[in-house]
Amino acid sequence: MFPRHDGPGRIENKDYTKFIKWTPLRVAIATLILFTPYAALVYAVASATSIMAVVPMLIAPALIAIFAGIIYWLSKAVL
């Protein structure tokens, strides 16, 4: 019923992240991208309440991203 895909175009389970040359900046950016939905939720809550009440929730993901980059950089420097 369906054509067979045995040639080079066959779908394989590949790890595409191994081709990324990870740097501290890329780790920090990837961490921020992961926190973007969280930031959107925080912004929605902030628009319903006081903006100053949620400032710590907006700063926390940025600090986590910075520390993730620093920890990655230190692990590369030591190992």
PDB file of N, CA and C in Angstrom:
ATOM      1  N   MET A   1       0.814  -1.180   0.000  1.00  0.00           N
ATOM      2  CA  MET A   1       0.000   0.000   0.000  1.00  0.00           C
ATOM      3  C   MET A   1       0.868   1.257   0.000  1.00  0.00           C
ATOM      4  N   PHE A   2       1.835   1.322   0.919  1.00  0.00           N
ATOM      5  CA  PHE A   2       2.739   2.466   0.971  1.00  0.00           C
ATOM      6  C   PHE A   2       4.098   2.057   0.409  1.00  0.00           C
ATOM      7  N   PRO A   3       4.777   2.974  -0.261  1.00  0.00           N
ATOM      8  CA  PRO A   3       6.104   2.610  -0.787  1.00  0.00           C
ATOM      9  C   PRO A   3       7.102   2.397   0.341  1.00  0.00           C
ATOM     10  N   ARG A   4       8.037   1.509   0.116  1.00  0.00           N
ATOM     11  CA  ARG A   4       9.070   1.254   1.122  1.00  0.00           C
ATOM     12  C   ARG A   4      10.153   2.314   1.017  1.00  0.00           C
ATOM     13  N   HIS A   5      10.702   2.661   2.136  1.00  0.00           N
ATOM     14  CA  HIS A   5      11.771   3.661   2.165  1.00  0.00           C
ATOM     15  C   HIS A   5      13.020   3.013   2.746  1.00  0.00           C
ATOM     16  N   ASP A   6      13.733   2.299   1.925  1.00  0.00           N
ATOM     17  CA  ASP A   6      14.944   1.628   2.391  1.00  0.00           C
ATOM     18  C   ASP A   6      16.203   2.359   1.956  1.00  0.00           C
ATOM     19  N   GLY A   7      16.064   3.396   1.174  1.00  0.00           N
ATOM     20  CA  GLY A   7      17.229   4.095   0.635  1.00  0.00           C
ATOM     21  C   GLY A   7      17.774   5.138   1.590  1.00  0.00           C
ATOM     22  N   PRO A   8      18.635   6.024   1.079  1.00  0.00           N
ATOM     23  CA  PRO A   8      19.257   7.031   1.932  1.00  0.00           C
ATOM     24  C   PRO A   8      18.262   8.065   2.463  1.00  0.00           C
ATOM     25  N   GLY A   9      17.070   8.145   1.878  1.00  0.00           N
ATOM     26  CA  GLY A   9      16.081   9.098   2.351  1.00  0.00           C
ATOM     27  C   GLY A   9      15.248   8.582   3.501  1.00  0.00           C
ATOM     28  N   ARG A  10      15.607   7.434   4.029  1.00  0.00           N
ATOM     29  CA  ARG A  10      14.821   6.820   5.093  1.00  0.00           C
ATOM     30  C   ARG A  10      14.937   7.651   6.380  1.00  0.00           C
ATOM     31  N   ILE A  11      13.860   7.680   7.111  1.00  0.00           N
ATOM     32  CA  ILE A  11      13.836   8.434   8.367  1.00  0.00           C
ATOM     33  C   ILE A  11      14.575   7.631   9.427  1.00  0.00           C
ATOM     34  N   GLU A  12      15.507   8.272  10.069  1.00  0.00           N
ATOM     35  CA  GLU A  12      16.279   7.622  11.122  1.00  0.00           C
ATOM     36  C   GLU A  12      16.205   8.466  12.383  1.00  0.00           C
ATOM     37  N   ASN A  13      16.426   7.827  13.483  1.00  0.00           N
ATOM     38  CA  ASN A  13      16.456   8.531  14.750  1.00  0.00           C
ATOM     39  C   ASN A  13      17.870   9.065  14.957  1.00  0.00           C
ATOM     40  N   LYS A  14      18.057  10.344  14.658  1.00  0.00           N
ATOM     41  CA  LYS A  14      19.388  10.937  14.754  1.00  0.00           C
ATOM     42  C   LYS A  14      19.423  11.967  15.876  1.00  0.00           C
ATOM     43  N   ASP A  15      20.571  12.107  16.471  1.00  0.00           N
ATOM     44  CA  ASP A  15      20.780  13.121  17.494  1.00  0.00           C
ATOM     45  C   ASP A  15      21.411  14.338  16.825  1.00  0.00           C
ATOM     46  N   TYR A  16      20.573  15.303  16.470  1.00  0.00           N
ATOM     47  CA  TYR A  16      21.075  16.471  15.759  1.00  0.00           C
ATOM     48  C   TYR A  16      21.813  17.447  16.677  1.00  0.00           C
ATOM     49  N   THR A  17      21.650  17.301  18.000  1.00  0.00           N
ATOM     50  CA  THR A  17      22.337  18.218  18.902  1.00  0.00           C
ATOM     51  C   THR A  17      23.837  17.947  18.951  1.00  0.00           C
ATOM     52  N   LYS A  18      24.276  16.764  18.507  1.00  0.00           N
ATOM     53  CA  LYS A  18      25.720  16.493  18.546  1.00  0.00           C
ATOM     54  C   LYS A  18      26.474  17.322  17.513  1.00  0.00           C
ATOM     55  N   PHE A  19      25.747  17.873  16.518  1.00  0.00           N
ATOM     56  CA  PHE A  19      26.396  18.701  15.513  1.00  0.00           C
ATOM     57  C   PHE A  19      26.524  20.156  15.954  1.00  0.00           C
ATOM     58  N   ILE A  20      25.898  20.516  17.079  1.00  0.00           N
ATOM     59  CA  ILE A  20      25.982  21.887  17.585  1.00  0.00           C
ATOM     60  C   ILE A  20      27.250  22.023  18.402  1.00  0.00           C
ATOM     61  N   LYS A  21      28.039  23.031  18.098  1.00  0.00           N
ATOM     62  CA  LYS A  21      29.224  23.311  18.906  1.00  0.00           C
ATOM     63  C   LYS A  21      28.761  24.184  20.083  1.00  0.00           C
ATOM     64  N   TRP A  22      28.585  23.525  21.239  1.00  0.00           N
ATOM     65  CA  TRP A  22      28.030  24.224  22.390  1.00  0.00           C
ATOM     66  C   TRP A  22      29.053  25.171  22.984  1.00  0.00           C
ATOM     67  N   THR A  23      28.662  26.408  23.178  1.00  0.00           N
ATOM     68  CA  THR A  23      29.458  27.420  23.859  1.00  0.00           C
ATOM     69  C   THR A  23      28.626  27.926  25.031  1.00  0.00           C
ATOM     70  N   PRO A  24      29.242  28.613  25.979  1.00  0.00           N
ATOM     71  CA  PRO A  24      28.449  29.152  27.093  1.00  0.00           C
ATOM     72  C   PRO A  24      27.312  30.058  26.624  1.00  0.00           C
ATOM     73  N   LEU A  25      27.558  30.843  25.575  1.00  0.00           N
ATOM     74  CA  LEU A  25      26.507  31.722  25.062  1.00  0.00           C
ATOM     75  C   LEU A  25      25.349  30.908  24.489  1.00  0.00           C
ATOM     76  N   ARG A  26      25.640  29.860  23.749  1.00  0.00           N
ATOM     77  CA  ARG A  26      24.577  29.026  23.171  1.00  0.00           C
ATOM     78  C   ARG A  26      23.808  28.277  24.255  1.00  0.00           C
ATOM     79  N   VAL A  27      24.504  27.858  25.311  1.00  0.00           N
ATOM     80  CA  VAL A  27      23.810  27.206  26.425  1.00  0.00           C
ATOM     81  C   VAL A  27      22.857  28.193  27.086  1.00  0.00           C
ATOM     82  N   ALA A  28      23.318  29.426  27.288  1.00  0.00           N
ATOM     83  CA  ALA A  28      22.462  30.442  27.903  1.00  0.00           C
ATOM     84  C   ALA A  28      21.264  30.759  27.011  1.00  0.00           C
ATOM     85  N   ILE A  29      21.484  30.866  25.704  1.00  0.00           N
ATOM     86  CA  ILE A  29      20.384  31.163  24.780  1.00  0.00           C
ATOM     87  C   ILE A  29      19.386  30.004  24.748  1.00  0.00           C
ATOM     88  N   ALA A  30      19.886  28.775  24.714  1.00  0.00           N
ATOM     89  CA  ALA A  30      18.987  27.614  24.714  1.00  0.00           C
ATOM     90  C   ALA A  30      18.170  27.567  26.002  1.00  0.00           C
ATOM     91  N   THR A  31      18.796  27.912  27.123  1.00  0.00           N
ATOM     92  CA  THR A  31      18.074  27.940  28.389  1.00  0.00           C
ATOM     93  C   THR A  31      16.989  29.004  28.370  1.00  0.00           C
ATOM     94  N   LEU A  32      17.301  30.173  27.811  1.00  0.00           N
ATOM     95  CA  LEU A  32      16.290  31.226  27.720  1.00  0.00           C
ATOM     96  C   LEU A  32      15.138  30.815  26.808  1.00  0.00           C
ATOM     97  N   ILE A  33      15.448  30.117  25.724  1.00  0.00           N
ATOM     98  CA  ILE A  33      14.385  29.653  24.824  1.00  0.00           C
ATOM     99  C   ILE A  33      13.466  28.671  25.553  1.00  0.00           C
ATOM    100  N   LEU A  34      14.052  27.832  26.399  1.00  0.00           N
ATOM    101  CA  LEU A  34      13.225  26.900  27.162  1.00  0.00           C
ATOM    102  C   LEU A  34      12.321  27.626  28.153  1.00  0.00           C
ATOM    103  N   PHE A  35      12.772  28.784  28.651  1.00  0.00           N
ATOM    104  CA  PHE A  35      11.992  29.535  29.628  1.00  0.00           C
ATOM    105  C   PHE A  35      11.020  30.527  28.991  1.00  0.00           C
ATOM    106  N   THR A  36      10.988  30.643  27.662  1.00  0.00           N
ATOM    107  CA  THR A  36      10.110  31.612  27.005  1.00  0.00           C
ATOM    108  C   THR A  36       8.627  31.362  27.307  1.00  0.00           C
ATOM    109  N   PRO A  37       8.125  30.124  27.240  1.00  0.00           N
ATOM    110  CA  PRO A  37       6.705  29.928  27.604  1.00  0.00           C
ATOM    111  C   PRO A  37       6.417  30.319  29.052  1.00  0.00           C
ATOM    112  N   TYR A  38       7.374  30.048  29.934  1.00  0.00           N
ATOM    113  CA  TYR A  38       7.226  30.446  31.330  1.00  0.00           C
ATOM    114  C   TYR A  38       7.125  31.964  31.432  1.00  0.00           C
ATOM    115  N   ALA A  39       7.963  32.676  30.679  1.00  0.00           N
ATOM    116  CA  ALA A  39       7.932  34.137  30.712  1.00  0.00           C
ATOM    117  C   ALA A  39       6.607  34.672  30.175  1.00  0.00           C
ATOM    118  N   ALA A  40       6.051  34.024  29.165  1.00  0.00           N
ATOM    119  CA  ALA A  40       4.751  34.450  28.635  1.00  0.00           C
ATOM    120  C   ALA A  40       3.656  34.269  29.684  1.00  0.00           C
ATOM    121  N   LEU A  41       3.720  33.172  30.409  1.00  0.00           N
ATOM    122  CA  LEU A  41       2.745  32.943  31.475  1.00  0.00           C
ATOM    123  C   LEU A  41       2.895  33.981  32.578  1.00  0.00           C
ATOM    124  N   VAL A  42       4.124  34.279  32.941  1.00  0.00           N
ATOM    125  CA  VAL A  42       4.375  35.282  33.973  1.00  0.00           C
ATOM    126  C   VAL A  42       3.863  36.646  33.521  1.00  0.00           C
ATOM    127  N   TYR A  43       4.069  36.972  32.242  1.00  0.00           N
ATOM    128  CA  TYR A  43       3.588  38.250  31.718  1.00  0.00           C
ATOM    129  C   TYR A  43       2.063  38.313  31.761  1.00  0.00           C
ATOM    130  N   ALA A  44       1.404  37.192  31.472  1.00  0.00           N
ATOM    131  CA  ALA A  44      -0.057  37.157  31.535  1.00  0.00           C
ATOM    132  C   ALA A  44      -0.547  37.374  32.963  1.00  0.00           C
ATOM    133  N   VAL A  45       0.136  36.756  33.921  1.00  0.00           N
ATOM    134  CA  VAL A  45      -0.225  36.960  35.325  1.00  0.00           C
ATOM    135  C   VAL A  45       0.049  38.401  35.725  1.00  0.00           C
ATOM    136  N   ALA A  46       1.147  38.952  35.236  1.00  0.00           N
ATOM    137  CA  ALA A  46       1.515  40.319  35.595  1.00  0.00           C
ATOM    138  C   ALA A  46       0.510  41.326  35.063  1.00  0.00           C
ATOM    139  N   SER A  47      -0.041  41.063  33.893  1.00  0.00           N
ATOM    140  CA  SER A  47      -1.005  42.007  33.348  1.00  0.00           C
ATOM    141  C   SER A  47      -2.323  41.956  34.116  1.00  0.00           C
ATOM    142  N   ALA A  48      -2.566  40.846  34.812  1.00  0.00           N
ATOM    143  CA  ALA A  48      -3.775  40.740  35.623  1.00  0.00           C
ATOM    144  C   ALA A  48      -3.556  41.253  37.040  1.00  0.00           C
ATOM    145  N   THR A  49      -2.305  41.306  37.463  1.00  0.00           N
ATOM    146  CA  THR A  49      -1.987  41.772  38.818  1.00  0.00           C
ATOM    147  C   THR A  49      -0.991  42.918  38.712  1.00  0.00           C
ATOM    148  N   SER A  50      -0.317  43.185  39.776  1.00  0.00           N
ATOM    149  CA  SER A  50       0.694  44.240  39.791  1.00  0.00           C
ATOM    150  C   SER A  50       1.971  43.735  39.129  1.00  0.00           C
ATOM    151  N   ILE A  51       2.558  44.553  38.266  1.00  0.00           N
ATOM    152  CA  ILE A  51       3.780  44.157  37.549  1.00  0.00           C
ATOM    153  C   ILE A  51       4.943  43.960  38.513  1.00  0.00           C
ATOM    154  N   MET A  52       4.973  44.724  39.585  1.00  0.00           N
ATOM    155  CA  MET A  52       6.097  44.619  40.518  1.00  0.00           C
ATOM    156  C   MET A  52       6.054  43.309  41.310  1.00  0.00           C
ATOM    157  N   ALA A  53       4.897  42.682  41.376  1.00  0.00           N
ATOM    158  CA  ALA A  53       4.789  41.431  42.125  1.00  0.00           C
ATOM    159  C   ALA A  53       5.439  40.270  41.387  1.00  0.00           C
ATOM    160  N   VAL A  54       5.583  40.386  40.067  1.00  0.00           N
ATOM    161  CA  VAL A  54       6.114  39.267  39.293  1.00  0.00           C
ATOM    162  C   VAL A  54       7.508  39.537  38.742  1.00  0.00           C
ATOM    163  N   VAL A  55       8.108  40.668  39.083  1.00  0.00           N
ATOM    164  CA  VAL A  55       9.465  40.960  38.610  1.00  0.00           C
ATOM    165  C   VAL A  55      10.449  39.869  39.030  1.00  0.00           C
ATOM    166  N   PRO A  56      10.394  39.371  40.267  1.00  0.00           N
ATOM    167  CA  PRO A  56      11.319  38.274  40.617  1.00  0.00           C
ATOM    168  C   PRO A  56      11.137  37.030  39.748  1.00  0.00           C
ATOM    169  N   MET A  57       9.893  36.758  39.321  1.00  0.00           N
ATOM    170  CA  MET A  57       9.664  35.590  38.468  1.00  0.00           C
ATOM    171  C   MET A  57      10.211  35.807  37.064  1.00  0.00           C
ATOM    172  N   LEU A  58      10.367  37.055  36.646  1.00  0.00           N
ATOM    173  CA  LEU A  58      10.969  37.330  35.343  1.00  0.00           C
ATOM    174  C   LEU A  58      12.490  37.315  35.414  1.00  0.00           C
ATOM    175  N   ILE A  59      13.033  37.701  36.553  1.00  0.00           N
ATOM    176  CA  ILE A  59      14.488  37.752  36.710  1.00  0.00           C
ATOM    177  C   ILE A  59      15.065  36.353  36.924  1.00  0.00           C
ATOM    178  N   ALA A  60      14.321  35.474  37.576  1.00  0.00           N
ATOM    179  CA  ALA A  60      14.829  34.132  37.889  1.00  0.00           C
ATOM    180  C   ALA A  60      15.252  33.342  36.650  1.00  0.00           C
ATOM    181  N   PRO A  61      14.462  33.279  35.561  1.00  0.00           N
ATOM    182  CA  PRO A  61      14.929  32.531  34.384  1.00  0.00           C
ATOM    183  C   PRO A  61      16.188  33.122  33.761  1.00  0.00           C
ATOM    184  N   ALA A  62      16.313  34.443  33.786  1.00  0.00           N
ATOM    185  CA  ALA A  62      17.526  35.067  33.244  1.00  0.00           C
ATOM    186  C   ALA A  62      18.740  34.664  34.076  1.00  0.00           C
ATOM    187  N   LEU A  63      18.594  34.658  35.381  1.00  0.00           N
ATOM    188  CA  LEU A  63      19.710  34.247  36.241  1.00  0.00           C
ATOM    189  C   LEU A  63      20.041  32.769  36.049  1.00  0.00           C
ATOM    190  N   ILE A  64      19.023  31.939  35.886  1.00  0.00           N
ATOM    191  CA  ILE A  64      19.264  30.513  35.645  1.00  0.00           C
ATOM    192  C   ILE A  64      20.027  30.322  34.343  1.00  0.00           C
ATOM    193  N   ALA A  65      19.657  31.082  33.304  1.00  0.00           N
ATOM    194  CA  ALA A  65      20.350  30.976  32.017  1.00  0.00           C
ATOM    195  C   ALA A  65      21.800  31.415  32.142  1.00  0.00           C
ATOM    196  N   ILE A  66      22.033  32.500  32.860  1.00  0.00           N
ATOM    197  CA  ILE A  66      23.407  32.982  33.042  1.00  0.00           C
ATOM    198  C   ILE A  66      24.230  31.949  33.805  1.00  0.00           C
ATOM    199  N   PHE A  67      23.665  31.420  34.885  1.00  0.00           N
ATOM    200  CA  PHE A  67      24.398  30.428  35.666  1.00  0.00           C
ATOM    201  C   PHE A  67      24.610  29.133  34.887  1.00  0.00           C
ATOM    202  N   ALA A  68      23.661  28.760  34.023  1.00  0.00           N
ATOM    203  CA  ALA A  68      23.850  27.565  33.187  1.00  0.00           C
ATOM    204  C   ALA A  68      25.036  27.759  32.254  1.00  0.00           C
ATOM    205  N   GLY A  69      25.160  28.951  31.668  1.00  0.00           N
ATOM    206  CA  GLY A  69      26.304  29.244  30.805  1.00  0.00           C
ATOM    207  C   GLY A  69      27.612  29.235  31.572  1.00  0.00           C
ATOM    208  N   ILE A  70      27.601  29.806  32.773  1.00  0.00           N
ATOM    209  CA  ILE A  70      28.823  29.839  33.592  1.00  0.00           C
ATOM    210  C   ILE A  70      29.229  28.428  34.008  1.00  0.00           C
ATOM    211  N   ILE A  71      28.261  27.627  34.439  1.00  0.00           N
ATOM    212  CA  ILE A  71      28.576  26.252  34.850  1.00  0.00           C
ATOM    213  C   ILE A  71      29.110  25.454  33.672  1.00  0.00           C
ATOM    214  N   TYR A  72      28.503  25.640  32.492  1.00  0.00           N
ATOM    215  CA  TYR A  72      29.001  24.936  31.307  1.00  0.00           C
ATOM    216  C   TYR A  72      30.424  25.380  30.984  1.00  0.00           C
ATOM    217  N   TRP A  73      30.688  26.675  31.059  1.00  0.00           N
ATOM    218  CA  TRP A  73      32.024  27.200  30.764  1.00  0.00           C
ATOM    219  C   TRP A  73      33.046  26.646  31.751  1.00  0.00           C
ATOM    220  N   LEU A  74      32.679  26.621  33.034  1.00  0.00           N
ATOM    221  CA  LEU A  74      33.598  26.082  34.035  1.00  0.00           C
ATOM    222  C   LEU A  74      33.837  24.589  33.823  1.00  0.00           C
ATOM    223  N   SER A  75      32.809  23.850  33.439  1.00  0.00           N
ATOM    224  CA  SER A  75      33.000  22.415  33.221  1.00  0.00           C
ATOM    225  C   SER A  75      33.918  22.163  32.032  1.00  0.00           C
ATOM    226  N   LYS A  76      33.846  23.016  31.009  1.00  0.00           N
ATOM    227  CA  LYS A  76      34.744  22.862  29.859  1.00  0.00           C
ATOM    228  C   LYS A  76      36.164  23.291  30.218  1.00  0.00           C
ATOM    229  N   ALA A  77      36.296  24.292  31.078  1.00  0.00           N
ATOM    230  CA  ALA A  77      37.623  24.775  31.449  1.00  0.00           C
ATOM    231  C   ALA A  77      38.346  23.769  32.345  1.00  0.00           C
ATOM    232  N   VAL A  78      37.604  23.084  33.198  1.00  0.00           N
ATOM    233  CA  VAL A  78      38.214  22.154  34.146  1.00  0.00           C
ATOM    234  C   VAL A  78      38.482  20.804  33.499  1.00  0.00           C
ATOM    235  N   LEU A  79      37.534  20.338  32.681  1.00  0.00           N
ATOM    236  CA  LEU A  79      37.680  18.989  32.110  1.00  0.00           C
ATOM    237  C   LEU A  79      38.507  18.979  30.865  1.00  0.00           C
TER     238      LEU A  79
END
